[in-house]
Amino acid sequence: MSPRLDGSRTHKATSTPPPDHLDPIEQAEMLVTQDGLLAGLPDIPPYGEVDAVDARALSKTLFRRLETLEEGTHEYSYVRNTLVELNLALVKFAASRFRSRSEPMEDIIQVGTIGLIKAIDRFELSRGVEFPTFAMPTIVGEIKRFFRDTSWSVRVPRRLQELRLDLAKAGDELAQKLDRAPTVTELAERLGLSNDEVVEGMAASNAYTASSLDAQPEEDDSEGALADRIGYEDHGLEGIEYVESLKPLIAELPPRDRKILSLRFVAGMTQSEIGEELGISQMHVSRLLSRTLVKLRKGLTVEE
C-alpha cells in the first residue's frame, strides 16, 4: 500500500470559514475536515492516482468509519461520497461489458453508479467479503435491469425479455464450442425448451431495437435511407387489376380465339407455331389475334 495512504490526518480544529467560491457541498466537507471530525483517516490522494490495491485498503478504512457515523450528518455524506468516487472503477469495468449496446456509455455508467451506491449502503465488513466481490453483482444487475426495463423499442412480456438474455448467452457459448452459429434445436436442447419457445424468443429479440426510417446509411452504403428502400410502387398491382377485368371478356370469346390467346401469351408460342398447331396460316393467326386484342381493348375502355 502506498505510504501516503498509511498516514493519518493531522488537521487541527479551526473556525476559519470556507472560501465563498466553493459550492455548498465543498464548503460542508471543508467544515467537517476543519472541525477534526475526520481525524484518523488516511490522506486521500486524487482518485485517478489510486490503484486497485490501495482503493481496496482505503475502502476498508472508510467502511469502518462509516459504520460509526450517524446517517444524514456531513461526515457520513463525506465518507459515503468518497467511497463512491474511490470505487467508480468497478462501475466502468462493469459498463465495458455492455459497450456493444445501443445506449450511450455515459448512461450505462450512471445506472451502474446507482448500483454502486446501493452496494455501499448494504455492505457490512463483518461478513468477511471483499467489497468488489460484493458490489459487482449489484452493479451488473442494475445495468441489466436498465436494459431489460427501458431499452425495448416494443414492450414485450418479462418472460420473453429474460428468454432473450438466456438465448444470447447460450448462443455465444454454443458458437464457441461448435465454431458456428447454433441451430434452433441445439439452443432448445441447451436451455431445456421446445423449438417453438426458442423461435418465440428469437422473434421477440427483434423488438429490442428499432431503426429510424430517416436514419442515414453507413458511409460505404449507397442504397440511401431506409425509407427510400422499403417503400416503392409495385407496378405488378396494376397488371393484376387488368387481368381481373379481362377474365369476363375472355370468357365471352369463341373457343378458337381463347385458344390462340392461351398459346400466344401463356405458352409463349410464335404465330407460326400457333398456325401449325391449329392447321391455319401464320397470316390468319395474326388477323385473328389482332381482332381479338382490339375487342378486348375496347371492352376495357368501356368498363373504365
C-alpha atoms as a PDB file:
ATOM      1  CA  MET A   1       0.000   0.000   0.000  1.00  0.00           C
ATOM      2  CA  SER A   2       1.218   3.496  -0.798  1.00  0.00           C
ATOM      3  CA  PRO A   3       2.848   5.305   2.184  1.00  0.00           C
ATOM      4  CA  ARG A   4       0.554   8.307   1.760  1.00  0.00           C
ATOM      5  CA  LEU A   5      -2.440   6.062   2.486  1.00  0.00           C
ATOM      6  CA  ASP A   6      -0.921   4.882   5.768  1.00  0.00           C
ATOM      7  CA  GLY A   7      -0.599   8.294   7.371  1.00  0.00           C
ATOM      8  CA  SER A   8      -3.427   9.743   9.428  1.00  0.00           C
ATOM      9  CA  ARG A   9      -4.986  13.136   9.056  1.00  0.00           C
ATOM     10  CA  THR A  10      -3.464  15.748  11.380  1.00  0.00           C
ATOM     11  CA  HIS A  11      -5.817  18.652  10.678  1.00  0.00           C
ATOM     12  CA  LYS A  12      -6.178  20.990  13.633  1.00  0.00           C
ATOM     13  CA  ALA A  13      -9.512  22.332  14.713  1.00  0.00           C
ATOM     14  CA  THR A  14     -10.157  25.794  13.319  1.00  0.00           C
ATOM     15  CA  SER A  15     -13.044  28.117  12.863  1.00  0.00           C
ATOM     16  CA  THR A  16     -11.820  29.699   9.626  1.00  0.00           C
ATOM     17  CA  PRO A  17     -14.805  29.954   7.278  1.00  0.00           C
ATOM     18  CA  PRO A  18     -14.509  28.215   3.891  1.00  0.00           C
ATOM     19  CA  PRO A  19     -13.942  30.333   0.795  1.00  0.00           C
ATOM     20  CA  ASP A  20     -17.062  31.740  -0.834  1.00  0.00           C
ATOM     21  CA  HIS A  21     -16.137  30.423  -4.285  1.00  0.00           C
ATOM     22  CA  LEU A  22     -16.740  26.809  -3.192  1.00  0.00           C
ATOM     23  CA  ASP A  23     -20.126  25.189  -3.767  1.00  0.00           C
ATOM     24  CA  PRO A  24     -22.233  24.204  -0.702  1.00  0.00           C
ATOM     25  CA  ILE A  25     -21.072  20.571  -0.732  1.00  0.00           C
ATOM     26  CA  GLU A  26     -17.383  21.550  -0.833  1.00  0.00           C
ATOM     27  CA  GLN A  27     -17.944  24.077   1.937  1.00  0.00           C
ATOM     28  CA  ALA A  28     -19.628  21.431   4.111  1.00  0.00           C
ATOM     29  CA  GLU A  29     -16.802  18.958   3.507  1.00  0.00           C
ATOM     30  CA  MET A  30     -14.219  21.619   4.367  1.00  0.00           C
ATOM     31  CA  LEU A  31     -16.028  22.482   7.589  1.00  0.00           C
ATOM     32  CA  VAL A  32     -16.135  18.809   8.554  1.00  0.00           C
ATOM     33  CA  THR A  33     -12.426  18.471   7.956  1.00  0.00           C
ATOM     34  CA  GLN A  34     -11.635  21.688   9.807  1.00  0.00           C
ATOM     35  CA  ASP A  35     -13.558  20.531  12.864  1.00  0.00           C
ATOM     36  CA  GLY A  36     -11.352  17.465  13.099  1.00  0.00           C
ATOM     37  CA  LEU A  37     -14.229  15.059  12.691  1.00  0.00           C
ATOM     38  CA  LEU A  38     -12.280  13.066  10.102  1.00  0.00           C
ATOM     39  CA  ALA A  39      -9.174  12.771  12.254  1.00  0.00           C
ATOM     40  CA  GLY A  40      -7.623   9.343  11.980  1.00  0.00           C
ATOM     41  CA  LEU A  41      -8.493   8.779   8.330  1.00  0.00           C
ATOM     42  CA  PRO A  42      -5.606   8.442   5.856  1.00  0.00           C
ATOM     43  CA  ASP A  43      -4.962  11.228   3.396  1.00  0.00           C
ATOM     44  CA  ILE A  44      -6.906  10.662   0.183  1.00  0.00           C
ATOM     45  CA  PRO A  45      -4.931  11.437  -2.981  1.00  0.00           C
ATOM     46  CA  PRO A  46      -6.643  12.242  -6.282  1.00  0.00           C
ATOM     47  CA  TYR A  47      -8.902   9.312  -7.169  1.00  0.00           C
ATOM     48  CA  GLY A  48      -7.274   8.799 -10.543  1.00  0.00           C
ATOM     49  CA  GLU A  49      -3.926   8.118  -8.844  1.00  0.00           C
ATOM     50  CA  VAL A  50      -5.234   5.345  -6.552  1.00  0.00           C
ATOM     51  CA  ASP A  51      -4.625   1.829  -7.868  1.00  0.00           C
ATOM     52  CA  ALA A  52      -6.906  -1.138  -7.191  1.00  0.00           C
ATOM     53  CA  VAL A  53      -4.952  -2.446  -4.196  1.00  0.00           C
ATOM     54  CA  ASP A  54      -4.826   0.937  -2.482  1.00  0.00           C
ATOM     55  CA  ALA A  55      -8.503   1.587  -3.260  1.00  0.00           C
ATOM     56  CA  ARG A  56      -9.470  -1.705  -1.621  1.00  0.00           C
ATOM     57  CA  ALA A  57      -7.414  -0.971   1.513  1.00  0.00           C
ATOM     58  CA  LEU A  58      -8.666   2.591   1.761  1.00  0.00           C
ATOM     59  CA  SER A  59     -12.258   1.441   1.274  1.00  0.00           C
ATOM     60  CA  LYS A  60     -11.971  -0.865   4.292  1.00  0.00           C
ATOM     61  CA  THR A  61     -10.852   2.058   6.442  1.00  0.00           C
ATOM     62  CA  LEU A  62     -13.696   4.212   5.201  1.00  0.00           C
ATOM     63  CA  PHE A  63     -16.270   1.471   5.743  1.00  0.00           C
ATOM     64  CA  ARG A  64     -15.094   1.071   9.351  1.00  0.00           C
ATOM     65  CA  ARG A  65     -15.564   4.783   9.896  1.00  0.00           C
ATOM     66  CA  LEU A  66     -18.927   4.775   8.082  1.00  0.00           C
ATOM     67  CA  GLU A  67     -20.305   2.173  10.495  1.00  0.00           C
ATOM     68  CA  THR A  68     -19.654   4.536  13.426  1.00  0.00           C
ATOM     69  CA  LEU A  69     -21.292   7.579  11.858  1.00  0.00           C
ATOM     70  CA  GLU A  70     -24.871   8.729  12.000  1.00  0.00           C
ATOM     71  CA  GLU A  71     -26.644   8.743   8.652  1.00  0.00           C
ATOM     72  CA  GLY A  72     -27.516  12.234   7.470  1.00  0.00           C
ATOM     73  CA  THR A  73     -24.532  14.002   9.011  1.00  0.00           C
ATOM     74  CA  HIS A  74     -21.949  15.892   6.962  1.00  0.00           C
ATOM     75  CA  GLU A  75     -19.227  13.435   7.936  1.00  0.00           C
ATOM     76  CA  TYR A  76     -21.377  10.456   6.870  1.00  0.00           C
ATOM     77  CA  SER A  77     -22.042  12.069   3.489  1.00  0.00           C
ATOM     78  CA  TYR A  78     -18.361  12.863   3.016  1.00  0.00           C
ATOM     79  CA  VAL A  79     -17.200   9.307   3.744  1.00  0.00           C
ATOM     80  CA  ARG A  80     -20.009   7.782   1.645  1.00  0.00           C
ATOM     81  CA  ASN A  81     -19.287  10.063  -1.326  1.00  0.00           C
ATOM     82  CA  THR A  82     -15.580   9.285  -1.034  1.00  0.00           C
ATOM     83  CA  LEU A  83     -16.356   5.559  -1.207  1.00  0.00           C
ATOM     84  CA  VAL A  84     -18.402   6.155  -4.357  1.00  0.00           C
ATOM     85  CA  GLU A  85     -15.615   8.121  -6.057  1.00  0.00           C
ATOM     86  CA  LEU A  86     -12.998   5.625  -4.933  1.00  0.00           C
ATOM     87  CA  ASN A  87     -14.832   2.647  -6.437  1.00  0.00           C
ATOM     88  CA  LEU A  88     -16.066   4.140  -9.712  1.00  0.00           C
ATOM     89  CA  ALA A  89     -13.511   1.948 -11.474  1.00  0.00           C
ATOM     90  CA  LEU A  90     -15.781  -1.015 -10.666  1.00  0.00           C
ATOM     91  CA  VAL A  91     -18.648   0.693 -12.476  1.00  0.00           C
ATOM     92  CA  LYS A  92     -16.549   1.462 -15.534  1.00  0.00           C
ATOM     93  CA  PHE A  93     -15.306  -2.122 -15.652  1.00  0.00           C
ATOM     94  CA  ALA A  94     -18.857  -3.489 -15.446  1.00  0.00           C
ATOM     95  CA  ALA A  95     -20.125  -0.974 -18.015  1.00  0.00           C
ATOM     96  CA  SER A  96     -17.431  -2.038 -20.509  1.00  0.00           C
ATOM     97  CA  ARG A  97     -19.202  -5.393 -20.823  1.00  0.00           C
ATOM     98  CA  PHE A  98     -22.154  -3.581 -22.392  1.00  0.00           C
ATOM     99  CA  ARG A  99     -20.159  -1.430 -24.786  1.00  0.00           C
ATOM    100  CA  SER A 100     -21.820  -3.020 -27.837  1.00  0.00           C
ATOM    101  CA  ARG A 101     -25.311  -1.950 -26.756  1.00  0.00           C
ATOM    102  CA  SER A 102     -27.098   0.943 -28.396  1.00  0.00           C
ATOM    103  CA  GLU A 103     -27.306   3.033 -25.213  1.00  0.00           C
ATOM    104  CA  PRO A 104     -24.656   5.753 -24.621  1.00  0.00           C
ATOM    105  CA  MET A 105     -21.829   4.677 -22.323  1.00  0.00           C
ATOM    106  CA  GLU A 106     -22.464   7.713 -20.094  1.00  0.00           C
ATOM    107  CA  ASP A 107     -25.983   6.458 -19.358  1.00  0.00           C
ATOM    108  CA  ILE A 108     -24.730   2.950 -18.582  1.00  0.00           C
ATOM    109  CA  ILE A 109     -22.114   4.310 -16.156  1.00  0.00           C
ATOM    110  CA  GLN A 110     -24.756   6.464 -14.488  1.00  0.00           C
ATOM    111  CA  VAL A 111     -27.007   3.458 -13.940  1.00  0.00           C
ATOM    112  CA  GLY A 112     -24.061   1.384 -12.730  1.00  0.00           C
ATOM    113  CA  THR A 113     -23.214   4.125 -10.227  1.00  0.00           C
ATOM    114  CA  ILE A 114     -26.682   3.719  -8.736  1.00  0.00           C
ATOM    115  CA  GLY A 115     -25.876   0.036  -8.241  1.00  0.00           C
ATOM    116  CA  LEU A 116     -22.560   1.011  -6.595  1.00  0.00           C
ATOM    117  CA  ILE A 117     -24.350   3.315  -4.144  1.00  0.00           C
ATOM    118  CA  LYS A 118     -26.814   0.553  -3.268  1.00  0.00           C
ATOM    119  CA  ALA A 119     -23.910  -1.830  -2.672  1.00  0.00           C
ATOM    120  CA  ILE A 120     -22.181   0.693  -0.392  1.00  0.00           C
ATOM    121  CA  ASP A 121     -25.350   1.145   1.655  1.00  0.00           C
ATOM    122  CA  ARG A 122     -25.790  -2.629   2.063  1.00  0.00           C
ATOM    123  CA  PHE A 123     -22.181  -3.650   2.637  1.00  0.00           C
ATOM    124  CA  GLU A 124     -21.064  -4.933   6.050  1.00  0.00           C
ATOM    125  CA  LEU A 125     -17.417  -5.558   6.920  1.00  0.00           C
ATOM    126  CA  SER A 126     -18.430  -8.243   9.408  1.00  0.00           C
ATOM    127  CA  ARG A 127     -19.386 -10.573   6.574  1.00  0.00           C
ATOM    128  CA  GLY A 128     -15.739 -11.017   5.672  1.00  0.00           C
ATOM    129  CA  VAL A 129     -16.339 -10.432   1.951  1.00  0.00           C
ATOM    130  CA  GLU A 130     -14.251  -8.096  -0.173  1.00  0.00           C
ATOM    131  CA  PHE A 131     -16.264  -5.087  -1.326  1.00  0.00           C
ATOM    132  CA  PRO A 132     -15.582  -5.542  -5.090  1.00  0.00           C
ATOM    133  CA  THR A 133     -16.847  -9.135  -4.830  1.00  0.00           C
ATOM    134  CA  PHE A 134     -19.983  -7.920  -3.073  1.00  0.00           C
ATOM    135  CA  ALA A 135     -20.596  -4.863  -5.269  1.00  0.00           C
ATOM    136  CA  MET A 136     -20.066  -6.261  -8.756  1.00  0.00           C
ATOM    137  CA  PRO A 137     -23.284  -8.376  -8.913  1.00  0.00           C
ATOM    138  CA  THR A 138     -25.300  -5.397  -7.698  1.00  0.00           C
ATOM    139  CA  ILE A 139     -23.750  -3.064 -10.281  1.00  0.00           C
ATOM    140  CA  VAL A 140     -24.187  -5.511 -13.167  1.00  0.00           C
ATOM    141  CA  GLY A 141     -27.714  -6.341 -12.028  1.00  0.00           C
ATOM    142  CA  GLU A 142     -28.675  -2.675 -12.026  1.00  0.00           C
ATOM    143  CA  ILE A 143     -27.340  -2.245 -15.567  1.00  0.00           C
ATOM    144  CA  LYS A 144     -29.135  -5.370 -16.809  1.00  0.00           C
ATOM    145  CA  ARG A 145     -32.368  -4.192 -15.200  1.00  0.00           C
ATOM    146  CA  PHE A 146     -31.959  -0.882 -17.007  1.00  0.00           C
ATOM    147  CA  PHE A 147     -31.683  -2.626 -20.384  1.00  0.00           C
ATOM    148  CA  ARG A 148     -34.484  -5.043 -19.576  1.00  0.00           C
ATOM    149  CA  ASP A 149     -36.960  -2.402 -18.466  1.00  0.00           C
ATOM    150  CA  THR A 150     -36.214   0.633 -20.605  1.00  0.00           C
ATOM    151  CA  SER A 151     -34.324  -0.332 -23.765  1.00  0.00           C
ATOM    152  CA  TRP A 152     -37.006  -2.305 -25.629  1.00  0.00           C
ATOM    153  CA  SER A 153     -38.421  -0.492 -28.642  1.00  0.00           C
ATOM    154  CA  VAL A 154     -41.617  -2.555 -28.374  1.00  0.00           C
ATOM    155  CA  ARG A 155     -42.835  -3.659 -24.970  1.00  0.00           C
ATOM    156  CA  VAL A 156     -42.780  -7.449 -24.571  1.00  0.00           C
ATOM    157  CA  PRO A 157     -43.568  -9.684 -21.560  1.00  0.00           C
ATOM    158  CA  ARG A 158     -40.881 -10.069 -18.898  1.00  0.00           C
ATOM    159  CA  ARG A 159     -40.701 -13.788 -19.701  1.00  0.00           C
ATOM    160  CA  LEU A 160     -39.591 -13.069 -23.264  1.00  0.00           C
ATOM    161  CA  GLN A 161     -37.137 -10.400 -22.104  1.00  0.00           C
ATOM    162  CA  GLU A 162     -35.426 -12.928 -19.849  1.00  0.00           C
ATOM    163  CA  LEU A 163     -35.598 -15.590 -22.560  1.00  0.00           C
ATOM    164  CA  ARG A 164     -33.764 -13.262 -24.921  1.00  0.00           C
ATOM    165  CA  LEU A 165     -30.895 -12.934 -22.438  1.00  0.00           C
ATOM    166  CA  ASP A 166     -30.767 -16.728 -21.972  1.00  0.00           C
ATOM    167  CA  LEU A 167     -30.721 -17.261 -25.735  1.00  0.00           C
ATOM    168  CA  ALA A 168     -27.922 -14.739 -26.192  1.00  0.00           C
ATOM    169  CA  LYS A 169     -25.795 -16.387 -23.515  1.00  0.00           C
ATOM    170  CA  ALA A 170     -26.464 -19.907 -24.780  1.00  0.00           C
ATOM    171  CA  GLY A 171     -25.836 -18.809 -28.368  1.00  0.00           C
ATOM    172  CA  ASP A 172     -22.409 -17.374 -27.501  1.00  0.00           C
ATOM    173  CA  GLU A 173     -21.401 -20.500 -25.565  1.00  0.00           C
ATOM    174  CA  LEU A 174     -22.533 -22.887 -28.314  1.00  0.00           C
ATOM    175  CA  ALA A 175     -20.932 -20.757 -31.038  1.00  0.00           C
ATOM    176  CA  GLN A 176     -17.548 -21.008 -29.277  1.00  0.00           C
ATOM    177  CA  LYS A 177     -17.974 -24.736 -28.754  1.00  0.00           C
ATOM    178  CA  LEU A 178     -19.270 -25.610 -32.240  1.00  0.00           C
ATOM    179  CA  ASP A 179     -17.317 -22.941 -34.156  1.00  0.00           C
ATOM    180  CA  ARG A 180     -20.544 -21.984 -35.941  1.00  0.00           C
ATOM    181  CA  ALA A 181     -23.924 -20.463 -35.205  1.00  0.00           C
ATOM    182  CA  PRO A 182     -26.129 -22.899 -33.247  1.00  0.00           C
ATOM    183  CA  THR A 183     -29.413 -24.165 -34.669  1.00  0.00           C
ATOM    184  CA  VAL A 184     -32.812 -23.751 -33.061  1.00  0.00           C
ATOM    185  CA  THR A 185     -32.773 -27.387 -31.986  1.00  0.00           C
ATOM    186  CA  GLU A 186     -29.362 -27.046 -30.351  1.00  0.00           C
ATOM    187  CA  LEU A 187     -30.472 -23.932 -28.464  1.00  0.00           C
ATOM    188  CA  ALA A 188     -33.638 -25.701 -27.343  1.00  0.00           C
ATOM    189  CA  GLU A 189     -31.660 -28.680 -26.027  1.00  0.00           C
ATOM    190  CA  ARG A 190     -29.217 -26.403 -24.213  1.00  0.00           C
ATOM    191  CA  LEU A 191     -31.973 -24.450 -22.438  1.00  0.00           C
ATOM    192  CA  GLY A 192     -34.405 -27.332 -21.986  1.00  0.00           C
ATOM    193  CA  LEU A 193     -37.069 -25.635 -24.099  1.00  0.00           C
ATOM    194  CA  SER A 194     -39.147 -26.558 -27.115  1.00  0.00           C
ATOM    195  CA  ASN A 195     -38.269 -25.357 -30.596  1.00  0.00           C
ATOM    196  CA  ASP A 196     -41.402 -23.183 -30.650  1.00  0.00           C
ATOM    197  CA  GLU A 197     -40.344 -21.410 -27.433  1.00  0.00           C
ATOM    198  CA  VAL A 198     -36.885 -20.715 -28.863  1.00  0.00           C
ATOM    199  CA  VAL A 199     -38.382 -19.329 -32.070  1.00  0.00           C
ATOM    200  CA  GLU A 200     -40.719 -17.150 -29.998  1.00  0.00           C
ATOM    201  CA  GLY A 201     -37.768 -15.792 -28.033  1.00  0.00           C
ATOM    202  CA  MET A 202     -35.792 -15.092 -31.198  1.00  0.00           C
ATOM    203  CA  ALA A 203     -38.772 -13.257 -32.698  1.00  0.00           C
ATOM    204  CA  ALA A 204     -39.114 -11.180 -29.527  1.00  0.00           C
ATOM    205  CA  SER A 205     -35.474 -10.137 -29.877  1.00  0.00           C
ATOM    206  CA  ASN A 206     -36.455  -8.169 -32.981  1.00  0.00           C
ATOM    207  CA  ALA A 207     -38.406  -5.823 -30.713  1.00  0.00           C
ATOM    208  CA  TYR A 208     -35.285  -4.867 -28.759  1.00  0.00           C
ATOM    209  CA  THR A 209     -34.120  -2.137 -31.101  1.00  0.00           C
ATOM    210  CA  ALA A 210     -35.808  -0.192 -33.868  1.00  0.00           C
ATOM    211  CA  SER A 211     -34.259   1.720 -36.734  1.00  0.00           C
ATOM    212  CA  SER A 212     -35.433   5.143 -37.807  1.00  0.00           C
ATOM    213  CA  LEU A 213     -36.850   5.391 -41.321  1.00  0.00           C
ATOM    214  CA  ASP A 214     -34.798   8.553 -41.790  1.00  0.00           C
ATOM    215  CA  ALA A 215     -31.568   7.054 -40.433  1.00  0.00           C
ATOM    216  CA  GLN A 216     -28.623   7.807 -42.674  1.00  0.00           C
ATOM    217  CA  PRO A 217     -26.771   4.762 -44.073  1.00  0.00           C
ATOM    218  CA  GLU A 218     -23.142   3.943 -43.446  1.00  0.00           C
ATOM    219  CA  GLU A 219     -20.538   5.806 -45.459  1.00  0.00           C
ATOM    220  CA  ASP A 220     -19.962   2.829 -47.769  1.00  0.00           C
ATOM    221  CA  ASP A 221     -23.707   2.194 -48.216  1.00  0.00           C
ATOM    222  CA  SER A 222     -25.078   3.596 -51.472  1.00  0.00           C
ATOM    223  CA  GLU A 223     -28.658   2.354 -51.015  1.00  0.00           C
ATOM    224  CA  GLY A 224     -29.903   5.501 -49.264  1.00  0.00           C
ATOM    225  CA  ALA A 225     -32.093   5.866 -46.182  1.00  0.00           C
ATOM    226  CA  LEU A 226     -34.289   3.008 -45.010  1.00  0.00           C
ATOM    227  CA  ALA A 227     -37.463   4.847 -46.036  1.00  0.00           C
ATOM    228  CA  ASP A 228     -36.148   5.011 -49.613  1.00  0.00           C
ATOM    229  CA  ARG A 229     -35.624   1.252 -49.704  1.00  0.00           C
ATOM    230  CA  ILE A 230     -38.740  -0.192 -48.112  1.00  0.00           C
ATOM    231  CA  GLY A 231     -41.306   1.982 -49.899  1.00  0.00           C
ATOM    232  CA  TYR A 232     -41.748   1.607 -53.674  1.00  0.00           C
ATOM    233  CA  GLU A 233     -44.501   1.394 -56.267  1.00  0.00           C
ATOM    234  CA  ASP A 234     -45.343  -2.154 -57.294  1.00  0.00           C
ATOM    235  CA  HIS A 235     -46.288  -1.986 -60.965  1.00  0.00           C
ATOM    236  CA  GLY A 236     -47.462  -5.593 -60.847  1.00  0.00           C
ATOM    237  CA  LEU A 237     -50.559  -4.482 -58.927  1.00  0.00           C
ATOM    238  CA  GLU A 238     -51.818  -2.644 -61.981  1.00  0.00           C
ATOM    239  CA  GLY A 239     -51.379  -5.810 -64.053  1.00  0.00           C
ATOM    240  CA  ILE A 240     -53.481  -7.808 -61.585  1.00  0.00           C
ATOM    241  CA  GLU A 241     -56.301  -5.309 -61.991  1.00  0.00           C
ATOM    242  CA  TYR A 242     -56.189  -5.667 -65.769  1.00  0.00           C
ATOM    243  CA  VAL A 243     -56.183  -9.478 -65.575  1.00  0.00           C
ATOM    244  CA  GLU A 244     -59.242  -9.497 -63.334  1.00  0.00           C
ATOM    245  CA  SER A 245     -61.029  -7.093 -65.695  1.00  0.00           C
ATOM    246  CA  LEU A 246     -60.150  -9.222 -68.734  1.00  0.00           C
ATOM    247  CA  LYS A 247     -61.403 -12.504 -67.295  1.00  0.00           C
ATOM    248  CA  PRO A 248     -65.106 -11.975 -68.116  1.00  0.00           C
ATOM    249  CA  LEU A 249     -64.232 -10.541 -71.538  1.00  0.00           C
ATOM    250  CA  ILE A 250     -62.048 -13.525 -72.419  1.00  0.00           C
ATOM    251  CA  ALA A 251     -64.774 -15.909 -71.251  1.00  0.00           C
ATOM    252  CA  GLU A 252     -67.104 -14.427 -73.919  1.00  0.00           C
ATOM    253  CA  LEU A 253     -64.635 -15.111 -76.778  1.00  0.00           C
ATOM    254  CA  PRO A 254     -65.069 -18.048 -79.178  1.00  0.00           C
ATOM    255  CA  PRO A 255     -63.072 -21.179 -78.197  1.00  0.00           C
ATOM    256  CA  ARG A 256     -60.578 -20.750 -81.062  1.00  0.00           C
ATOM    257  CA  ASP A 257     -59.802 -17.147 -80.094  1.00  0.00           C
ATOM    258  CA  ARG A 258     -59.309 -18.184 -76.479  1.00  0.00           C
ATOM    259  CA  LYS A 259     -57.004 -20.966 -77.662  1.00  0.00           C
ATOM    260  CA  ILE A 260     -54.907 -18.529 -79.692  1.00  0.00           C
ATOM    261  CA  LEU A 261     -54.593 -16.155 -76.729  1.00  0.00           C
ATOM    262  CA  SER A 262     -53.503 -19.011 -74.465  1.00  0.00           C
ATOM    263  CA  LEU A 263     -50.903 -20.332 -76.906  1.00  0.00           C
ATOM    264  CA  ARG A 264     -49.531 -16.854 -77.594  1.00  0.00           C
ATOM    265  CA  PHE A 265     -49.427 -15.250 -74.116  1.00  0.00           C
ATOM    266  CA  VAL A 266     -49.342 -18.259 -71.797  1.00  0.00           C
ATOM    267  CA  ALA A 267     -47.399 -20.890 -73.729  1.00  0.00           C
ATOM    268  CA  GLY A 268     -45.264 -18.220 -75.417  1.00  0.00           C
ATOM    269  CA  MET A 269     -45.576 -19.730 -78.894  1.00  0.00           C
ATOM    270  CA  THR A 270     -44.933 -17.737 -82.075  1.00  0.00           C
ATOM    271  CA  GLN A 271     -47.645 -17.064 -84.610  1.00  0.00           C
ATOM    272  CA  SER A 272     -46.107 -19.628 -86.968  1.00  0.00           C
ATOM    273  CA  GLU A 273     -46.123 -22.296 -84.240  1.00  0.00           C
ATOM    274  CA  ILE A 274     -49.723 -21.459 -83.402  1.00  0.00           C
ATOM    275  CA  GLY A 275     -50.651 -21.780 -87.081  1.00  0.00           C
ATOM    276  CA  GLU A 276     -49.091 -25.235 -87.235  1.00  0.00           C
ATOM    277  CA  GLU A 277     -50.876 -26.209 -84.014  1.00  0.00           C
ATOM    278  CA  LEU A 278     -54.300 -25.123 -85.327  1.00  0.00           C
ATOM    279  CA  GLY A 279     -53.747 -26.002 -89.009  1.00  0.00           C
ATOM    280  CA  ILE A 280     -54.049 -22.461 -90.310  1.00  0.00           C
ATOM    281  CA  SER A 281     -51.604 -19.969 -91.804  1.00  0.00           C
ATOM    282  CA  GLN A 282     -49.478 -17.583 -89.832  1.00  0.00           C
ATOM    283  CA  MET A 283     -51.226 -14.644 -91.566  1.00  0.00           C
ATOM    284  CA  HIS A 284     -54.609 -15.947 -90.449  1.00  0.00           C
ATOM    285  CA  VAL A 285     -53.358 -16.271 -86.869  1.00  0.00           C
ATOM    286  CA  SER A 286     -52.107 -12.685 -86.986  1.00  0.00           C
ATOM    287  CA  ARG A 287     -55.521 -11.371 -88.179  1.00  0.00           C
ATOM    288  CA  LEU A 288     -57.431 -13.380 -85.560  1.00  0.00           C
ATOM    289  CA  LEU A 289     -55.061 -12.267 -82.788  1.00  0.00           C
ATOM    290  CA  SER A 290     -55.265  -8.602 -83.805  1.00  0.00           C
ATOM    291  CA  ARG A 291     -59.082  -8.732 -83.956  1.00  0.00           C
ATOM    292  CA  THR A 292     -59.259 -10.358 -80.521  1.00  0.00           C
ATOM    293  CA  LEU A 293     -56.900  -7.819 -78.924  1.00  0.00           C
ATOM    294  CA  VAL A 294     -58.888  -4.893 -80.397  1.00  0.00           C
ATOM    295  CA  LYS A 295     -62.086  -6.401 -78.992  1.00  0.00           C
ATOM    296  CA  LEU A 296     -60.568  -6.831 -75.531  1.00  0.00           C
ATOM    297  CA  ARG A 297     -59.124  -3.328 -75.577  1.00  0.00           C
ATOM    298  CA  LYS A 298     -62.492  -1.844 -76.432  1.00  0.00           C
ATOM    299  CA  GLY A 299     -64.080  -3.886 -73.674  1.00  0.00           C
ATOM    300  CA  LEU A 300     -61.634  -2.474 -71.104  1.00  0.00           C
ATOM    301  CA  THR A 301     -62.200   1.062 -72.373  1.00  0.00           C
ATOM    302  CA  VAL A 302     -65.984   0.725 -71.969  1.00  0.00           C
ATOM    303  CA  GLU A 303     -65.563  -0.598 -68.390  1.00  0.00           C
ATOM    304  CA  GLU A 304     -63.295   2.289 -67.469  1.00  0.00           C
END
